[in-house]
Amino acid sequence: DRDDVISDRSVTFSDCGDEIILDTVSCEEIIVNGVSWKDELSESHDAEGNANSVKEVDETAAAMETAEVRETHKEAEKKVAATKPSAAEAKEQELKKAAEKIKVFAYGGLYDEMTEALDRDKDKVLLGIITTSVEELLDDEAYMRTESKTYHSELTPISIQYSGPDAHYNEVDYYKNHSHEIESFCERLFNVDRLNPIVYSDKIETRNRMLNLLGEAHQDEGYPEVTSDSPSSTVSQKAARFRTMRVADTGGLTAYKHALNVQGADAVPDGLSLLRIVREPLGTPYNWVLFKPSKEELIIEDGGSGGVMELANVLHRDYNDQVLFGLARVSFANDFGLSQFWCALEWKGENASGVKALKSYTESLAPMADRIGDRSFTLSNSSAMDLSPQIVVDFVKKSCNKNMTVQALEHAHEMEQKAIEEYWDKLEAKEKAKQDALNAEKLEREEEEREARLKIRANKLADAKDIRETRNKKWSKMNAPELLEDLGKRDLSGWVLLQVDLDK
């Protein structure tokens, strides 16, 4: 406090062990431990200034050194950049080296052209690279047998390893020993991961192996093989196949059952119509019919054209457990033609036992007799069991008072079978003519579709041919690496045959 030092000459302050003496009048001189405050302050300022100066000098020197290093690095980088080739120059150098190792032997557009070139020079060892598609490899006939798909026109690169039959064994061995290296070398130039190598054998076999390879690339799809004698069309070789309705070809079926299988339920006669055929003196093709028991209608169970003897065999074989009613036409041949009798049947098989079968038989007997109508005689169960030609003759003699013979029965049967055969011939001819007309229309449509599809294909190939010719002119001025690079674009099918020497 100023007031505390007014009356004294000096006042001493103590601070942390140091004594400070202030002049009470002027307060200009301050003495700390016998040293002038001004001097101490001046010395302190001088020391601080010297330290700052040294620091500034050091920082300036460091900055200058960093700048020099940077400048030196830049100069070094410039020198390296000046000596290092550009990407384009590097690629050009690589292509020049490659051009010394591989030479173009031949080039073209389609597979057939490549095989022609190979067949001309059989003393060469060559590497062929082709970009092709399923669509181009198939001939017309195989192409028409293949369902068209979008990826069939996709181009795939394939390498062909060719050793001509007259090639020198040294060249063949060289290629075998360096095949992997050669393939890898060309893959780099062609810019693909894999060229799918195939060893060339002959034109047809190699084509089919290429098709198999393309099929494996598309979910194991198989393509029709191309053959050396593939016809231009198989339409003329197609022939319609018809199911015969002849009794001799029924495989044990009766005429009715066979017709039912062949013609269907809508084409065979109903119960009343079949009964009328049996009642006609020369009705064809049926001469007997069997009906299921019914009080209201005629429901066909079976029918045949083999006469009463066939009827007896069918009953024992197929219907020994059923109740049936039927009618058969029995014919005898004489000098005046045929004499006919109608034999009714009331059948209850040996295995058709029980109350239900008996009730069905008794309740249907009268109604079925009315619906079937007149008959010359009736065969019961016991009579049908042991039926023979002689028993039939005896029934006619007894019931109709007609003197007939077994020979007359057999002769009439032969005449009737001939008439039935003629019936089937006419029916088959009619059905065949109908089917032939349908087939002719179908084949005509198929041929029109075939021609339209082949025309589209031919036009597509023709358009590509003009583009290939233009490209071939460009390729004629290229070396092997340049040609491979252009082929690798895969915008158009093509091929190149190369001679490779990696030792150059």
Protein backbone atom coordinates (compact mmCIF):
# COMPACT_ATOMS: atom_id res chain seq x y z
CA ASP A 1 0.00 0.00 0.00
CA ARG A 2 1.43 3.35 -1.00
CA ASP A 3 0.47 4.99 2.27
CA ASP A 4 2.64 2.50 4.18
CA VAL A 5 5.92 3.68 2.54
CA ILE A 6 5.49 7.48 2.35
CA SER A 7 7.51 8.31 5.51
CA ASP A 8 10.37 5.84 4.88
CA ARG A 9 13.26 5.85 2.42
CA SER A 10 12.70 2.29 1.45
CA VAL A 11 10.53 -0.64 2.20
CA THR A 12 11.61 -4.26 1.99
CA PHE A 13 9.19 -6.99 0.78
CA SER A 14 9.82 -10.69 1.16
CA ASP A 15 8.44 -13.16 -1.44
CA CYS A 16 9.46 -16.80 -1.44
CA GLY A 17 12.74 -16.06 0.33
CA ASP A 18 13.77 -13.22 -2.07
CA GLU A 19 14.05 -9.65 -0.78
CA ILE A 20 12.81 -6.86 -2.99
CA ILE A 21 13.77 -3.26 -2.06
CA LEU A 22 11.73 -0.46 -3.56
CA ASP A 23 12.68 3.24 -3.53
CA THR A 24 9.91 4.98 -1.56
CA VAL A 25 10.20 8.17 -3.56
CA SER A 26 10.77 7.21 -7.15
CA CYS A 27 10.10 3.48 -7.07
CA GLU A 28 12.34 3.30 -10.12
CA GLU A 29 15.01 0.98 -8.88
CA ILE A 30 14.23 -2.42 -7.52
CA ILE A 31 16.94 -4.55 -6.02
CA VAL A 32 16.54 -8.33 -5.64
CA ASN A 33 19.30 -9.97 -3.63
CA GLY A 34 21.66 -7.14 -4.41
CA VAL A 35 20.96 -7.28 -8.18
CA SER A 36 19.23 -4.45 -9.97
CA TRP A 37 15.75 -5.47 -11.09
CA LYS A 38 16.19 -3.73 -14.39
CA ASP A 39 19.44 -5.55 -15.01
CA GLU A 40 17.88 -8.87 -14.15
CA LEU A 41 14.89 -8.11 -16.32
CA SER A 42 17.11 -7.05 -19.19
CA GLU A 43 19.21 -10.20 -18.92
CA SER A 44 16.05 -12.32 -18.84
CA HIS A 45 14.70 -10.67 -21.95
CA ASP A 46 18.02 -11.12 -23.74
CA ALA A 47 18.16 -14.87 -22.87
CA GLU A 48 14.62 -15.45 -24.04
CA GLY A 49 15.28 -13.61 -27.28
CA ASN A 50 18.40 -15.68 -27.92
CA ALA A 51 16.46 -18.94 -27.36
CA ASN A 52 13.70 -17.88 -29.72
CA SER A 53 16.26 -16.93 -32.33
CA VAL A 54 17.89 -20.36 -32.13
CA LYS A 55 14.52 -22.06 -32.40
CA GLU A 56 13.54 -20.00 -35.44
CA VAL A 57 16.84 -20.86 -37.11
CA ASP A 58 16.31 -24.58 -36.44
CA GLU A 59 12.75 -24.51 -37.77
CA THR A 60 13.80 -22.64 -40.90
CA ALA A 61 16.60 -25.12 -41.54
CA ALA A 62 14.24 -28.08 -41.10
CA ALA A 63 11.70 -26.54 -43.48
CA MET A 64 14.37 -25.97 -46.07
CA GLU A 65 15.63 -29.54 -45.70
CA THR A 66 12.04 -30.98 -46.12
CA ALA A 67 11.46 -28.91 -49.24
CA GLU A 68 14.74 -30.11 -50.71
CA VAL A 69 13.82 -33.77 -50.02
CA ARG A 70 10.43 -33.31 -51.61
CA GLU A 71 11.96 -31.69 -54.62
CA THR A 72 14.46 -34.54 -54.87
CA HIS A 73 11.63 -37.14 -54.75
CA LYS A 74 9.70 -35.29 -57.41
CA GLU A 75 12.72 -35.18 -59.66
CA ALA A 76 13.25 -38.93 -59.14
CA GLU A 77 9.63 -39.69 -59.93
CA LYS A 78 9.82 -37.62 -63.07
CA LYS A 79 12.87 -39.56 -64.20
CA VAL A 80 11.14 -42.93 -63.52
CA ALA A 81 7.99 -41.78 -65.28
CA ALA A 82 10.04 -40.65 -68.24
CA THR A 83 11.65 -44.07 -68.59
CA LYS A 84 8.48 -46.19 -67.85
CA PRO A 85 6.26 -46.95 -70.90
CA SER A 86 2.55 -46.07 -70.88
CA ALA A 87 -0.16 -48.74 -70.65
CA ALA A 88 -0.74 -48.48 -74.36
CA GLU A 89 2.99 -48.72 -75.06
CA ALA A 90 3.30 -51.73 -72.73
CA LYS A 91 0.46 -53.50 -74.48
CA GLU A 92 2.00 -52.73 -77.85
CA GLN A 93 5.31 -54.20 -76.72
CA GLU A 94 3.56 -57.34 -75.48
CA LEU A 95 1.73 -57.75 -78.77
CA LYS A 96 4.98 -57.35 -80.70
CA LYS A 97 6.56 -60.12 -78.65
CA ALA A 98 3.47 -62.30 -79.12
CA ALA A 99 3.51 -61.68 -82.85
CA GLU A 100 6.95 -63.27 -82.98
CA LYS A 101 5.69 -66.41 -81.21
CA ILE A 102 2.43 -67.06 -83.09
CA LYS A 103 1.66 -66.78 -86.79
CA VAL A 104 -1.69 -66.82 -88.56
CA PHE A 105 -2.09 -69.87 -90.77
CA ALA A 106 -5.71 -69.33 -91.88
CA TYR A 107 -8.90 -67.61 -90.73
CA GLY A 108 -12.59 -67.47 -91.62
CA GLY A 109 -16.16 -67.44 -90.38
CA LEU A 110 -17.86 -70.86 -90.13
CA TYR A 111 -16.86 -74.30 -88.87
CA ASP A 112 -17.13 -75.95 -92.31
CA GLU A 113 -14.64 -73.45 -93.72
CA MET A 114 -12.17 -74.28 -90.95
CA THR A 115 -12.37 -78.04 -91.62
CA GLU A 116 -11.75 -77.40 -95.32
CA ALA A 117 -8.57 -75.52 -94.42
CA LEU A 118 -7.44 -78.38 -92.16
CA ASP A 119 -8.12 -80.99 -94.83
CA ARG A 120 -5.92 -79.09 -97.31
CA ASP A 121 -2.82 -79.14 -95.10
CA LYS A 122 -2.34 -82.47 -93.38
CA ASP A 123 1.31 -81.97 -92.45
CA LYS A 124 0.73 -79.16 -89.94
CA VAL A 125 0.39 -78.95 -86.19
CA LEU A 126 -2.01 -76.09 -85.47
CA LEU A 127 -4.04 -74.48 -82.75
CA GLY A 128 -7.49 -73.48 -83.90
CA ILE A 129 -9.67 -71.03 -81.99
CA ILE A 130 -13.31 -70.75 -82.99
CA THR A 131 -16.25 -68.80 -81.61
CA THR A 132 -19.43 -70.58 -82.59
CA SER A 133 -22.95 -71.48 -81.42
CA VAL A 134 -25.36 -74.42 -81.36
CA GLU A 135 -27.39 -72.81 -84.10
CA GLU A 136 -24.43 -72.66 -86.49
CA LEU A 137 -23.06 -76.14 -85.75
CA LEU A 138 -26.32 -78.01 -86.43
CA ASP A 139 -27.12 -78.99 -90.00
CA ASP A 140 -30.64 -78.36 -91.32
CA GLU A 141 -32.07 -81.74 -90.31
CA ALA A 142 -30.61 -81.69 -86.79
CA TYR A 143 -31.62 -78.04 -86.46
CA MET A 144 -35.24 -78.91 -87.26
CA ARG A 145 -35.26 -81.68 -84.64
CA THR A 146 -34.07 -79.27 -81.94
CA GLU A 147 -36.41 -77.03 -80.00
CA SER A 148 -35.26 -73.47 -80.60
CA LYS A 149 -33.94 -71.62 -77.51
CA THR A 150 -32.43 -68.18 -77.08
CA TYR A 151 -29.00 -69.37 -75.93
CA HIS A 152 -28.59 -71.49 -79.08
CA SER A 153 -27.27 -68.35 -80.79
CA GLU A 154 -24.82 -67.47 -77.98
CA LEU A 155 -21.20 -67.61 -79.13
CA THR A 156 -18.77 -69.77 -77.15
CA PRO A 157 -14.96 -69.88 -77.64
CA ILE A 158 -13.48 -73.34 -78.26
CA SER A 159 -9.89 -74.28 -79.04
CA ILE A 160 -9.10 -77.00 -81.57
CA GLN A 161 -5.88 -78.99 -81.24
CA TYR A 162 -4.94 -80.26 -84.70
CA SER A 163 -2.11 -82.61 -85.60
CA GLY A 164 -2.20 -83.53 -89.26
CA PRO A 165 -1.68 -87.20 -90.22
CA ASP A 166 1.47 -86.23 -92.14
CA ALA A 167 2.87 -83.87 -89.45
CA HIS A 168 6.47 -84.37 -88.28
CA TYR A 169 6.67 -86.14 -84.92
CA ASN A 170 8.95 -83.41 -83.49
CA GLU A 171 6.26 -80.81 -84.00
CA VAL A 172 3.62 -83.11 -82.53
CA ASP A 173 5.75 -83.78 -79.43
CA TYR A 174 6.53 -80.09 -79.02
CA TYR A 175 2.86 -79.22 -78.98
CA LYS A 176 2.01 -82.04 -76.57
CA ASN A 177 4.75 -80.97 -74.17
CA HIS A 178 3.76 -77.31 -74.29
CA SER A 179 -0.01 -77.61 -74.78
CA HIS A 180 -0.91 -76.09 -71.42
CA GLU A 181 1.52 -73.21 -71.90
CA ILE A 182 0.27 -72.59 -75.43
CA GLU A 183 -3.37 -72.63 -74.32
CA SER A 184 -2.65 -70.20 -71.45
CA PHE A 185 -0.69 -67.92 -73.75
CA CYS A 186 -3.56 -67.69 -76.24
CA GLU A 187 -6.17 -67.34 -73.49
CA ARG A 188 -4.43 -64.17 -72.30
CA LEU A 189 -4.47 -62.71 -75.78
CA PHE A 190 -8.05 -63.85 -76.35
CA ASN A 191 -9.09 -62.42 -72.96
CA VAL A 192 -10.95 -65.51 -71.67
CA ASP A 193 -10.54 -67.76 -68.64
CA ARG A 194 -10.82 -71.01 -70.61
CA LEU A 195 -10.96 -71.99 -74.28
CA ASN A 196 -12.56 -75.46 -73.84
CA PRO A 197 -9.96 -77.49 -75.80
CA ILE A 198 -11.03 -80.27 -78.18
CA VAL A 199 -8.70 -82.57 -80.13
CA TYR A 200 -9.66 -82.62 -83.80
CA SER A 201 -10.40 -86.07 -85.25
CA ASP A 202 -12.62 -85.53 -88.30
CA LYS A 203 -15.27 -83.08 -89.41
CA ILE A 204 -18.37 -84.94 -88.18
CA GLU A 205 -16.96 -86.36 -84.93
CA THR A 206 -15.42 -83.05 -83.88
CA ARG A 207 -18.63 -81.19 -84.65
CA ASN A 208 -20.62 -83.58 -82.43
CA ARG A 209 -18.05 -83.26 -79.61
CA MET A 210 -18.41 -79.49 -79.81
CA LEU A 211 -22.19 -79.84 -79.61
CA ASN A 212 -21.83 -82.07 -76.56
CA LEU A 213 -19.59 -79.48 -74.92
CA LEU A 214 -22.14 -76.74 -75.59
CA GLY A 215 -24.89 -79.01 -74.26
CA GLU A 216 -23.01 -79.50 -70.99
CA ALA A 217 -22.77 -75.71 -70.65
CA HIS A 218 -26.56 -75.49 -70.77
CA GLN A 219 -27.84 -77.91 -68.11
CA ASP A 220 -26.68 -81.09 -69.88
CA GLU A 221 -28.98 -80.55 -72.82
CA GLY A 222 -28.45 -83.05 -75.62
CA TYR A 223 -28.56 -82.18 -79.30
CA PRO A 224 -29.24 -84.48 -82.28
CA GLU A 225 -26.03 -85.82 -83.74
CA VAL A 226 -25.03 -84.66 -87.20
CA THR A 227 -24.29 -87.52 -89.60
CA SER A 228 -22.61 -87.62 -92.96
CA ASP A 229 -25.80 -88.83 -94.66
CA SER A 230 -28.30 -86.59 -92.83
CA PRO A 231 -31.25 -86.23 -95.26
CA SER A 232 -32.56 -82.83 -96.19
CA SER A 233 -36.02 -83.88 -95.06
CA THR A 234 -37.61 -86.89 -93.38
CA VAL A 235 -41.16 -85.90 -94.27
CA SER A 236 -41.23 -88.29 -97.21
CA GLN A 237 -40.12 -91.12 -94.93
CA LYS A 238 -42.99 -90.73 -92.47
CA ALA A 239 -45.77 -93.30 -92.67
CA ALA A 240 -49.01 -93.44 -90.75
CA ARG A 241 -49.56 -96.40 -88.46
CA PHE A 242 -53.06 -97.73 -87.94
CA ARG A 243 -54.42 -100.08 -85.33
CA THR A 244 -56.04 -103.03 -87.02
CA MET A 245 -59.54 -104.16 -86.04
CA ARG A 246 -59.24 -107.65 -87.45
CA VAL A 247 -60.37 -110.53 -85.26
CA ALA A 248 -57.13 -112.36 -86.01
CA ASP A 249 -55.13 -109.50 -84.45
CA THR A 250 -57.20 -108.96 -81.30
CA GLY A 251 -54.86 -110.82 -78.97
CA GLY A 252 -57.64 -113.03 -77.53
CA LEU A 253 -60.25 -110.28 -77.29
CA THR A 254 -63.66 -110.70 -78.86
CA ALA A 255 -64.61 -108.53 -81.82
CA TYR A 256 -66.72 -106.25 -79.64
CA LYS A 257 -64.07 -105.78 -76.95
CA HIS A 258 -61.41 -105.12 -79.56
CA ALA A 259 -63.56 -102.59 -81.40
CA LEU A 260 -64.30 -100.94 -78.07
CA ASN A 261 -60.56 -100.53 -77.43
CA VAL A 262 -59.81 -99.29 -80.93
CA GLN A 263 -62.81 -97.15 -81.82
CA GLY A 264 -64.04 -96.14 -78.38
CA ALA A 265 -67.44 -96.43 -76.73
CA ASP A 266 -69.00 -93.81 -79.01
CA ALA A 267 -68.19 -95.77 -82.20
CA VAL A 268 -69.42 -99.25 -81.26
CA PRO A 269 -73.15 -100.15 -81.64
CA ASP A 270 -75.54 -100.03 -78.69
CA GLY A 271 -77.49 -103.03 -77.44
CA LEU A 272 -80.44 -102.80 -79.82
CA SER A 273 -78.21 -102.11 -82.87
CA LEU A 274 -75.94 -105.05 -82.12
CA LEU A 275 -78.95 -107.32 -81.65
CA ARG A 276 -80.24 -106.27 -85.11
CA ILE A 277 -76.84 -107.14 -86.66
CA VAL A 278 -76.97 -110.64 -85.13
CA ARG A 279 -80.56 -111.12 -86.40
CA GLU A 280 -79.64 -110.16 -89.98
CA PRO A 281 -78.98 -113.23 -92.19
CA LEU A 282 -75.66 -111.76 -93.37
CA GLY A 283 -75.06 -109.29 -90.55
CA THR A 284 -71.41 -108.29 -90.06
CA PRO A 285 -69.17 -108.23 -88.19
CA TYR A 286 -71.08 -109.76 -85.25
CA ASN A 287 -72.90 -113.13 -85.08
CA TRP A 288 -73.46 -113.36 -81.34
CA VAL A 289 -74.10 -111.01 -78.41
CA LEU A 290 -74.29 -111.25 -74.61
CA PHE A 291 -76.38 -108.94 -72.38
CA LYS A 292 -76.28 -108.25 -68.68
CA PRO A 293 -79.49 -109.14 -66.78
CA SER A 294 -81.89 -106.17 -66.75
CA LYS A 295 -85.62 -105.61 -66.55
CA GLU A 296 -85.57 -102.40 -68.60
CA GLU A 297 -82.85 -102.30 -71.29
CA LEU A 298 -80.29 -104.22 -73.32
CA ILE A 299 -76.86 -103.69 -71.75
CA ILE A 300 -74.05 -105.25 -73.81
CA GLU A 301 -71.54 -107.37 -71.99
CA ASP A 302 -69.78 -108.81 -75.03
CA GLY A 303 -70.14 -109.71 -78.71
CA GLY A 304 -68.23 -111.67 -81.30
CA SER A 305 -67.88 -112.86 -84.85
CA GLY A 306 -66.67 -116.44 -84.32
CA GLY A 307 -70.08 -118.14 -84.12
CA VAL A 308 -71.72 -120.24 -81.48
CA MET A 309 -68.55 -122.21 -80.74
CA GLU A 310 -66.64 -119.01 -79.89
CA LEU A 311 -69.57 -117.99 -77.68
CA ALA A 312 -69.31 -121.25 -75.69
CA ASN A 313 -65.54 -120.81 -75.18
CA VAL A 314 -65.92 -117.19 -74.04
CA LEU A 315 -68.62 -118.16 -71.52
CA HIS A 316 -66.40 -120.77 -69.89
CA ARG A 317 -63.31 -118.56 -69.96
CA ASP A 318 -64.60 -115.15 -68.92
CA TYR A 319 -68.11 -115.39 -67.54
CA ASN A 320 -68.34 -118.50 -65.39
CA ASP A 321 -69.27 -116.35 -62.38
CA GLN A 322 -71.97 -114.22 -64.01
CA VAL A 323 -75.61 -114.26 -65.09
CA LEU A 324 -76.01 -113.39 -68.80
CA PHE A 325 -78.52 -113.60 -71.63
CA GLY A 326 -77.70 -113.68 -75.31
CA LEU A 327 -78.41 -114.62 -78.92
CA ALA A 328 -76.26 -116.31 -81.59
CA ARG A 329 -76.77 -116.79 -85.30
CA VAL A 330 -76.16 -120.37 -86.47
CA SER A 331 -75.68 -120.88 -90.22
CA PHE A 332 -75.56 -123.97 -92.43
CA ALA A 333 -74.41 -124.00 -96.05
CA ASN A 334 -76.41 -125.89 -98.69
CA ASP A 335 -76.92 -125.91 -102.45
CA PHE A 336 -79.22 -122.91 -102.25
CA GLY A 337 -77.03 -120.74 -100.06
CA LEU A 338 -77.22 -120.38 -96.29
CA SER A 339 -79.84 -121.52 -93.82
CA GLN A 340 -79.89 -119.55 -90.55
CA PHE A 341 -81.18 -120.35 -87.10
CA TRP A 342 -81.06 -118.23 -83.95
CA CYS A 343 -79.95 -119.76 -80.69
CA ALA A 344 -80.88 -117.96 -77.47
CA LEU A 345 -78.80 -118.31 -74.31
CA GLU A 346 -79.87 -118.24 -70.68
CA TRP A 347 -76.63 -118.46 -68.70
CA LYS A 348 -75.83 -118.74 -65.02
CA GLY A 349 -72.19 -119.69 -64.53
CA GLU A 350 -71.07 -122.44 -62.20
CA ASN A 351 -69.51 -119.87 -59.86
CA ALA A 352 -72.51 -117.53 -59.95
CA SER A 353 -73.95 -118.94 -56.75
CA GLY A 354 -75.79 -117.30 -53.95
CA VAL A 355 -79.15 -115.65 -53.43
CA LYS A 356 -78.21 -112.50 -55.33
CA ALA A 357 -77.22 -114.34 -58.51
CA LEU A 358 -80.30 -116.58 -58.37
CA LYS A 359 -82.58 -113.58 -57.84
CA SER A 360 -80.98 -111.71 -60.76
CA TYR A 361 -81.45 -114.73 -63.01
CA THR A 362 -85.10 -115.43 -62.14
CA GLU A 363 -86.22 -111.78 -62.14
CA SER A 364 -84.56 -111.01 -65.49
CA LEU A 365 -85.47 -114.21 -67.32
CA ALA A 366 -88.85 -113.12 -68.69
CA PRO A 367 -87.98 -109.45 -69.43
CA MET A 368 -84.78 -110.46 -71.27
CA ALA A 369 -86.61 -113.12 -73.27
CA ASP A 370 -89.06 -110.48 -74.45
CA ARG A 371 -86.34 -108.02 -75.42
CA ILE A 372 -84.19 -110.56 -77.23
CA GLY A 373 -87.22 -111.86 -79.13
CA ASP A 374 -87.76 -114.91 -81.31
CA ARG A 375 -85.27 -117.75 -81.34
CA SER A 376 -85.01 -121.16 -83.00
CA PHE A 377 -83.94 -122.86 -79.81
CA THR A 378 -82.54 -122.01 -76.40
CA LEU A 379 -79.37 -123.21 -74.73
CA SER A 380 -79.40 -123.50 -70.96
CA ASN A 381 -76.45 -123.80 -68.60
CA SER A 382 -76.03 -127.55 -68.96
CA SER A 383 -76.27 -127.43 -72.76
CA ALA A 384 -73.70 -124.64 -73.09
CA MET A 385 -71.28 -126.35 -70.75
CA ASP A 386 -70.53 -129.19 -73.18
CA LEU A 387 -71.36 -127.45 -76.46
CA SER A 388 -69.86 -128.92 -79.62
CA PRO A 389 -70.64 -128.71 -83.37
CA GLN A 390 -72.50 -132.04 -83.16
CA ILE A 391 -74.63 -130.86 -80.22
CA VAL A 392 -75.56 -127.74 -82.22
CA VAL A 393 -76.61 -129.92 -85.15
CA ASP A 394 -78.66 -132.14 -82.82
CA PHE A 395 -80.43 -129.10 -81.33
CA VAL A 396 -81.38 -127.86 -84.81
CA LYS A 397 -82.67 -131.28 -85.83
CA LYS A 398 -84.70 -131.65 -82.64
CA SER A 399 -86.02 -128.09 -82.34
CA CYS A 400 -86.39 -127.13 -86.02
CA ASN A 401 -86.87 -130.53 -87.62
CA LYS A 402 -84.06 -129.79 -90.09
CA ASN A 403 -81.58 -132.37 -91.21
CA MET A 404 -78.25 -130.50 -90.97
CA THR A 405 -74.68 -131.78 -90.81
CA VAL A 406 -71.50 -130.71 -89.07
CA GLN A 407 -69.87 -130.24 -92.50
CA ALA A 408 -72.60 -127.80 -93.51
CA LEU A 409 -72.11 -125.90 -90.24
CA GLU A 410 -68.35 -125.66 -90.76
CA HIS A 411 -68.73 -124.63 -94.42
CA ALA A 412 -71.16 -121.89 -93.50
CA HIS A 413 -68.78 -120.69 -90.82
CA GLU A 414 -66.00 -120.35 -93.42
CA MET A 415 -68.30 -118.39 -95.74
CA GLU A 416 -69.38 -116.11 -92.90
CA GLN A 417 -65.78 -115.46 -91.82
CA LYS A 418 -64.89 -114.44 -95.36
CA ALA A 419 -67.74 -111.92 -95.38
CA ILE A 420 -66.60 -110.59 -92.02
CA GLU A 421 -63.05 -110.28 -93.35
CA GLU A 422 -64.31 -108.20 -96.26
CA TYR A 423 -66.20 -106.03 -93.80
CA TRP A 424 -63.01 -105.30 -91.86
CA ASP A 425 -61.14 -104.60 -95.12
CA LYS A 426 -63.69 -101.99 -96.15
CA LEU A 427 -63.76 -100.45 -92.69
CA GLU A 428 -59.98 -100.31 -92.52
CA ALA A 429 -59.78 -98.78 -95.98
CA LYS A 430 -62.29 -96.14 -94.95
CA GLU A 431 -60.49 -95.40 -91.71
CA LYS A 432 -57.13 -95.37 -93.49
CA ALA A 433 -58.36 -92.93 -96.12
CA LYS A 434 -59.65 -90.67 -93.36
CA GLN A 435 -56.39 -90.91 -91.44
CA ASP A 436 -54.34 -90.41 -94.60
CA ALA A 437 -56.19 -87.18 -95.29
CA LEU A 438 -55.54 -85.96 -91.77
CA ASN A 439 -51.90 -86.98 -91.97
CA ALA A 440 -51.50 -85.27 -95.34
CA GLU A 441 -52.80 -82.02 -93.90
CA LYS A 442 -50.57 -82.36 -90.86
CA LEU A 443 -47.48 -83.14 -92.93
CA GLU A 444 -48.22 -80.22 -95.23
CA ARG A 445 -48.41 -77.87 -92.25
CA GLU A 446 -45.20 -79.32 -90.82
CA GLU A 447 -43.42 -78.88 -94.15
CA GLU A 448 -44.59 -75.27 -94.41
CA GLU A 449 -43.39 -74.57 -90.87
CA ARG A 450 -40.11 -76.31 -91.65
CA GLU A 451 -39.50 -74.29 -94.79
CA ALA A 452 -40.36 -71.03 -92.99
CA ARG A 453 -37.95 -71.80 -90.14
CA LEU A 454 -35.15 -72.83 -92.50
CA LYS A 455 -35.70 -69.68 -94.56
CA ILE A 456 -35.30 -67.51 -91.46
CA ARG A 457 -32.11 -69.39 -90.61
CA ALA A 458 -30.74 -69.07 -94.14
CA ASN A 459 -31.43 -65.33 -94.20
CA LYS A 460 -29.71 -64.91 -90.85
CA LEU A 461 -26.63 -66.76 -92.05
CA ALA A 462 -26.62 -64.81 -95.31
CA ASP A 463 -26.70 -61.48 -93.47
CA ALA A 464 -23.80 -62.57 -91.28
CA LYS A 465 -21.85 -63.69 -94.35
CA ASP A 466 -21.59 -60.14 -95.71
CA ILE A 467 -20.34 -58.92 -92.34
CA ARG A 468 -17.76 -61.72 -92.19
CA GLU A 469 -16.40 -60.85 -95.63
CA THR A 470 -15.86 -57.27 -94.49
CA ARG A 471 -14.18 -58.51 -91.34
CA ASN A 472 -11.93 -60.87 -93.30
CA LYS A 473 -10.57 -57.90 -95.24
CA LYS A 474 -9.74 -56.22 -91.93
CA TRP A 475 -8.17 -59.42 -90.58
CA SER A 476 -5.91 -59.69 -93.63
CA LYS A 477 -4.01 -56.65 -92.34
CA MET A 478 -3.68 -57.91 -88.74
CA ASN A 479 -1.04 -60.01 -87.05
CA ALA A 480 -2.01 -62.95 -84.84
CA PRO A 481 -2.39 -61.06 -81.52
CA GLU A 482 -4.48 -58.34 -83.13
CA LEU A 483 -6.67 -60.91 -84.86
CA LEU A 484 -7.16 -62.88 -81.62
CA GLU A 485 -8.10 -59.71 -79.79
CA ASP A 486 -10.69 -58.86 -82.44
CA LEU A 487 -12.07 -62.42 -82.48
CA GLY A 488 -12.30 -62.28 -78.70
CA LYS A 489 -14.96 -59.58 -78.89
CA ARG A 490 -17.36 -62.44 -79.77
CA ASP A 491 -19.84 -60.26 -81.62
CA LEU A 492 -19.65 -62.52 -84.68
CA SER A 493 -18.71 -66.16 -85.18
CA GLY A 494 -15.28 -66.83 -86.61
CA TRP A 495 -12.11 -68.91 -86.40
CA VAL A 496 -8.35 -68.68 -86.76
CA LEU A 497 -5.70 -71.38 -87.19
CA LEU A 498 -2.35 -70.56 -85.57
CA GLN A 499 1.20 -71.87 -85.72
CA VAL A 500 2.79 -71.44 -82.30
CA ASP A 501 6.50 -71.40 -81.32
CA LEU A 502 6.99 -70.22 -77.73
CA ASP A 503 10.80 -70.55 -77.94
CA LYS A 504 11.10 -67.49 -80.18
